[in-house]
Amino acid sequence: MTNAVTTGKVELLLLKEVAECLRVSPTTIYRLTEKRVLPFIRIGGQLRFQKSDVLAYLAGQRVASVEKN
């Protein structure tokens, strides 16, 4: 996430940066946006992602561990 654009308090990421951050392919990110699972912003036909939205999505994917007695 090196080329993130900071606008005031909103940090926007490129699709490629989100894919690298989540260690998935850009195609996977496109699928998540098509399903409206990952929020995005469309600017001039290109997708941008708020860093806070990406982190919230990631936190929502966490699977809790099960304690064994």
Protein backbone atom coordinates (compact mmCIF):
# COMPACT_ATOMS: atom_id res chain seq x y z
CA MET A 1 0.00 0.00 0.00
CA THR A 2 2.66 2.43 -1.04
CA ASN A 3 0.91 4.73 -3.50
CA ALA A 4 -2.22 5.42 -1.46
CA VAL A 5 -3.74 8.82 -2.07
CA THR A 6 -4.52 10.77 1.09
CA THR A 7 -7.34 13.29 0.79
CA GLY A 8 -7.98 14.99 4.11
CA LYS A 9 -8.87 12.08 6.38
CA VAL A 10 -9.83 9.70 3.55
CA GLU A 11 -7.11 7.37 2.33
CA LEU A 12 -7.91 5.85 -1.06
CA LEU A 13 -6.29 2.70 -2.39
CA LEU A 14 -6.02 1.41 -5.93
CA LEU A 15 -7.45 -1.98 -6.85
CA LYS A 16 -3.94 -3.40 -7.29
CA GLU A 17 -2.96 -2.17 -3.82
CA VAL A 18 -6.01 -3.79 -2.21
CA ALA A 19 -5.27 -7.06 -4.01
CA GLU A 20 -1.65 -6.97 -2.79
CA CYS A 21 -2.72 -6.10 0.75
CA LEU A 22 -5.18 -9.02 0.91
CA ARG A 23 -2.81 -11.27 -1.06
CA VAL A 24 -5.42 -12.16 -3.66
CA SER A 25 -5.69 -11.53 -7.37
CA PRO A 26 -7.25 -8.37 -8.81
CA THR A 27 -9.96 -10.64 -10.24
CA THR A 28 -10.95 -11.61 -6.69
CA ILE A 29 -11.29 -7.93 -5.78
CA TYR A 30 -13.50 -7.38 -8.86
CA ARG A 31 -15.70 -10.28 -7.75
CA LEU A 32 -16.04 -8.84 -4.25
CA THR A 33 -17.10 -5.50 -5.71
CA GLU A 34 -19.58 -7.12 -8.11
CA LYS A 35 -21.19 -8.91 -5.17
CA ARG A 36 -21.12 -5.62 -3.20
CA VAL A 37 -19.19 -7.34 -0.41
CA LEU A 38 -16.33 -4.85 -0.49
CA PRO A 39 -17.34 -1.15 -0.65
CA PHE A 40 -15.73 0.92 -3.38
CA ILE A 41 -15.77 4.34 -5.00
CA ARG A 42 -15.89 4.75 -8.76
CA ILE A 43 -13.90 7.72 -10.07
CA GLY A 44 -13.78 8.20 -13.83
CA GLY A 45 -14.54 4.52 -14.42
CA GLN A 46 -11.78 3.36 -12.09
CA LEU A 47 -12.27 1.77 -8.70
CA ARG A 48 -10.89 3.22 -5.48
CA PHE A 49 -11.21 1.82 -1.98
CA GLN A 50 -11.18 3.57 1.36
CA LYS A 51 -8.51 2.04 3.54
CA SER A 52 -10.93 1.96 6.47
CA ASP A 53 -13.43 -0.07 4.38
CA VAL A 54 -10.75 -2.59 3.43
CA LEU A 55 -9.68 -2.99 7.06
CA ALA A 56 -13.33 -3.38 8.15
CA TYR A 57 -13.87 -6.04 5.47
CA LEU A 58 -10.76 -7.85 6.61
CA ALA A 59 -11.86 -7.75 10.27
CA GLY A 60 -15.26 -9.15 9.25
CA GLN A 61 -13.58 -12.17 7.66
CA ARG A 62 -11.89 -13.22 10.89
CA VAL A 63 -12.87 -16.65 12.16
CA ALA A 64 -12.74 -17.05 15.91
CA SER A 65 -10.73 -19.88 17.37
CA VAL A 66 -12.40 -22.64 19.35
CA GLU A 67 -11.02 -23.40 22.78
CA LYS A 68 -10.48 -27.08 23.48
CA ASN A 69 -10.72 -28.32 27.04
